[in-house]
Amino acid sequence: MRLDKYLKEARIIKRRTVANALCDSEKVSVNGVVKKSSYEVVLGDKISIKYGDNEISHEVVTLPYERKKKN
């Protein structure tokens, strides 16, 4: 699952566009390394988000359910 989509689906950030913008401005790091929004999140990743004066830390223990597209 993409990093920006994970942040939205896990309800860490309310909108995917905001998550994407934070990744583009290099305010999101995974395991201490700045990542782009297209990074594939895996179990055990430690995500840090710098949002204003705050820093949010989060560890991936489960991946949210992905809805399947209907044909």
N, C-alpha and C. Protein backbone atom coordinates (compact mmCIF):
# COMPACT_ATOMS: atom_id res chain seq x y z
N MET A 1 0.84 -1.17 0.00
CA MET A 1 0.00 0.00 0.00
C MET A 1 0.89 1.24 0.00
N ARG A 2 0.55 2.21 -0.84
CA ARG A 2 1.32 3.45 -0.93
C ARG A 2 1.31 4.21 0.40
N LEU A 3 2.38 4.94 0.66
CA LEU A 3 2.52 5.67 1.91
C LEU A 3 1.41 6.70 2.09
N ASP A 4 1.10 7.49 1.06
CA ASP A 4 0.05 8.50 1.20
C ASP A 4 -1.32 7.86 1.45
N LYS A 5 -1.58 6.74 0.79
CA LYS A 5 -2.85 6.05 0.99
C LYS A 5 -2.92 5.44 2.39
N TYR A 6 -1.80 4.90 2.88
CA TYR A 6 -1.77 4.33 4.22
C TYR A 6 -2.07 5.39 5.27
N LEU A 7 -1.46 6.57 5.13
CA LEU A 7 -1.68 7.64 6.10
C LEU A 7 -3.14 8.05 6.15
N LYS A 8 -3.82 8.02 5.02
CA LYS A 8 -5.24 8.36 4.97
C LYS A 8 -6.10 7.23 5.51
N GLU A 9 -5.86 6.01 5.07
CA GLU A 9 -6.67 4.86 5.48
C GLU A 9 -6.51 4.54 6.96
N ALA A 10 -5.31 4.78 7.51
CA ALA A 10 -5.07 4.53 8.93
C ALA A 10 -5.57 5.70 9.78
N ARG A 11 -6.10 6.72 9.13
CA ARG A 11 -6.68 7.90 9.78
C ARG A 11 -5.66 8.71 10.58
N ILE A 12 -4.44 8.71 10.08
CA ILE A 12 -3.40 9.55 10.67
C ILE A 12 -3.54 10.96 10.10
N ILE A 13 -3.83 11.03 8.80
CA ILE A 13 -4.07 12.30 8.11
C ILE A 13 -5.43 12.18 7.41
N LYS A 14 -6.23 13.24 7.47
CA LYS A 14 -7.61 13.15 6.99
C LYS A 14 -7.75 13.02 5.48
N ARG A 15 -6.86 13.66 4.71
CA ARG A 15 -7.00 13.64 3.25
C ARG A 15 -5.72 13.15 2.60
N ARG A 16 -5.90 12.37 1.53
CA ARG A 16 -4.76 11.82 0.81
C ARG A 16 -3.93 12.93 0.15
N THR A 17 -4.60 13.99 -0.29
CA THR A 17 -3.87 15.10 -0.92
C THR A 17 -2.94 15.79 0.08
N VAL A 18 -3.39 15.89 1.33
CA VAL A 18 -2.56 16.47 2.38
C VAL A 18 -1.37 15.56 2.66
N ALA A 19 -1.62 14.26 2.72
CA ALA A 19 -0.54 13.29 2.94
C ALA A 19 0.47 13.36 1.79
N ASN A 20 -0.03 13.48 0.58
CA ASN A 20 0.84 13.58 -0.59
C ASN A 20 1.69 14.85 -0.53
N ALA A 21 1.08 15.95 -0.13
CA ALA A 21 1.80 17.23 -0.02
C ALA A 21 2.88 17.16 1.06
N LEU A 22 2.60 16.51 2.17
CA LEU A 22 3.59 16.36 3.23
C LEU A 22 4.77 15.52 2.75
N CYS A 23 4.49 14.47 2.00
CA CYS A 23 5.56 13.64 1.44
C CYS A 23 6.40 14.43 0.45
N ASP A 24 5.75 15.22 -0.39
CA ASP A 24 6.46 16.03 -1.38
C ASP A 24 7.36 17.09 -0.73
N SER A 25 6.94 17.60 0.43
CA SER A 25 7.74 18.61 1.13
C SER A 25 8.74 17.98 2.10
N GLU A 26 8.95 16.68 1.98
CA GLU A 26 9.94 15.92 2.76
C GLU A 26 9.72 16.02 4.26
N LYS A 27 8.47 15.96 4.69
CA LYS A 27 8.14 16.00 6.11
C LYS A 27 7.74 14.65 6.65
N VAL A 28 7.78 13.61 5.80
CA VAL A 28 7.43 12.26 6.22
C VAL A 28 8.66 11.37 6.04
N SER A 29 9.04 10.68 7.11
CA SER A 29 10.16 9.76 7.01
C SER A 29 9.73 8.39 7.50
N VAL A 30 10.32 7.37 6.90
CA VAL A 30 10.05 5.98 7.27
C VAL A 30 11.37 5.37 7.69
N ASN A 31 11.42 4.86 8.92
CA ASN A 31 12.63 4.27 9.48
C ASN A 31 13.81 5.25 9.40
N GLY A 32 13.53 6.54 9.60
CA GLY A 32 14.57 7.55 9.63
C GLY A 32 14.99 8.10 8.28
N VAL A 33 14.37 7.64 7.19
CA VAL A 33 14.73 8.08 5.84
C VAL A 33 13.51 8.74 5.21
N VAL A 34 13.70 9.94 4.63
CA VAL A 34 12.60 10.64 3.97
C VAL A 34 12.16 9.82 2.75
N LYS A 35 10.84 9.61 2.63
CA LYS A 35 10.30 8.80 1.53
C LYS A 35 9.28 9.60 0.73
N LYS A 36 9.10 9.19 -0.52
CA LYS A 36 8.08 9.78 -1.38
C LYS A 36 6.74 9.11 -1.09
N SER A 37 5.67 9.70 -1.61
CA SER A 37 4.33 9.17 -1.36
C SER A 37 4.11 7.82 -2.02
N SER A 38 4.94 7.45 -3.00
CA SER A 38 4.77 6.18 -3.70
C SER A 38 5.45 5.01 -2.98
N TYR A 39 6.12 5.27 -1.86
CA TYR A 39 6.78 4.21 -1.10
C TYR A 39 5.76 3.17 -0.65
N GLU A 40 6.11 1.89 -0.79
CA GLU A 40 5.22 0.80 -0.37
C GLU A 40 5.45 0.50 1.11
N VAL A 41 4.44 0.72 1.92
CA VAL A 41 4.51 0.51 3.37
C VAL A 41 4.48 -1.00 3.66
N VAL A 42 5.33 -1.43 4.59
CA VAL A 42 5.35 -2.83 5.02
C VAL A 42 5.21 -2.88 6.53
N LEU A 43 4.85 -4.04 7.05
CA LEU A 43 4.69 -4.21 8.49
C LEU A 43 6.01 -3.93 9.19
N GLY A 44 5.94 -3.24 10.33
CA GLY A 44 7.12 -2.93 11.11
C GLY A 44 7.75 -1.59 10.80
N ASP A 45 7.29 -0.90 9.75
CA ASP A 45 7.81 0.42 9.42
C ASP A 45 7.49 1.41 10.54
N LYS A 46 8.44 2.29 10.82
CA LYS A 46 8.21 3.37 11.79
C LYS A 46 8.14 4.67 11.01
N ILE A 47 6.96 5.30 11.06
CA ILE A 47 6.70 6.51 10.29
C ILE A 47 6.73 7.72 11.21
N SER A 48 7.45 8.76 10.81
CA SER A 48 7.51 10.03 11.55
C SER A 48 7.03 11.14 10.62
N ILE A 49 6.14 11.99 11.15
CA ILE A 49 5.58 13.08 10.36
C ILE A 49 5.82 14.38 11.11
N LYS A 50 6.46 15.34 10.44
CA LYS A 50 6.65 16.67 11.01
C LYS A 50 5.51 17.54 10.49
N TYR A 51 4.68 18.00 11.40
CA TYR A 51 3.49 18.76 11.06
C TYR A 51 3.47 20.01 11.91
N GLY A 52 3.97 21.12 11.35
CA GLY A 52 4.09 22.35 12.13
C GLY A 52 5.19 22.19 13.15
N ASP A 53 4.91 22.49 14.42
CA ASP A 53 5.90 22.33 15.49
C ASP A 53 5.85 20.93 16.10
N ASN A 54 4.91 20.12 15.68
CA ASN A 54 4.73 18.78 16.25
C ASN A 54 5.39 17.72 15.38
N GLU A 55 5.71 16.60 16.02
CA GLU A 55 6.18 15.44 15.28
C GLU A 55 5.37 14.24 15.75
N ILE A 56 4.76 13.56 14.79
CA ILE A 56 3.93 12.40 15.08
C ILE A 56 4.70 11.15 14.71
N SER A 57 4.76 10.18 15.61
CA SER A 57 5.41 8.91 15.34
C SER A 57 4.36 7.80 15.33
N HIS A 58 4.55 6.85 14.42
CA HIS A 58 3.57 5.78 14.25
C HIS A 58 4.31 4.54 13.77
N GLU A 59 3.92 3.38 14.31
CA GLU A 59 4.50 2.12 13.84
C GLU A 59 3.41 1.31 13.15
N VAL A 60 3.74 0.73 12.00
CA VAL A 60 2.78 -0.05 11.23
C VAL A 60 2.72 -1.45 11.82
N VAL A 61 1.57 -1.80 12.40
CA VAL A 61 1.39 -3.15 12.94
C VAL A 61 0.43 -3.97 12.08
N THR A 62 -0.51 -3.30 11.42
CA THR A 62 -1.39 -3.96 10.46
C THR A 62 -1.64 -3.01 9.30
N LEU A 63 -1.97 -3.56 8.16
CA LEU A 63 -2.32 -2.75 7.01
C LEU A 63 -3.84 -2.68 6.90
N PRO A 64 -4.39 -1.49 6.66
CA PRO A 64 -5.84 -1.36 6.51
C PRO A 64 -6.35 -2.17 5.33
N TYR A 65 -7.59 -2.56 5.41
CA TYR A 65 -8.25 -3.31 4.33
C TYR A 65 -8.33 -2.45 3.09
N GLU A 66 -7.91 -3.00 1.95
CA GLU A 66 -8.02 -2.28 0.68
C GLU A 66 -9.26 -2.74 -0.05
N ARG A 67 -10.06 -1.77 -0.45
CA ARG A 67 -11.27 -2.10 -1.21
C ARG A 67 -10.91 -2.47 -2.64
N LYS A 68 -11.55 -3.48 -3.15
CA LYS A 68 -11.32 -3.92 -4.51
C LYS A 68 -12.20 -3.10 -5.46
N LYS A 69 -11.66 -2.75 -6.61
CA LYS A 69 -12.44 -2.03 -7.60
C LYS A 69 -13.36 -3.00 -8.33
N LYS A 70 -14.58 -2.56 -8.60
CA LYS A 70 -15.53 -3.38 -9.35
C LYS A 70 -15.28 -3.19 -10.83
N ASN A 71 -15.41 -4.24 -11.58
CA ASN A 71 -15.23 -4.14 -13.05
C ASN A 71 -16.50 -3.75 -13.72
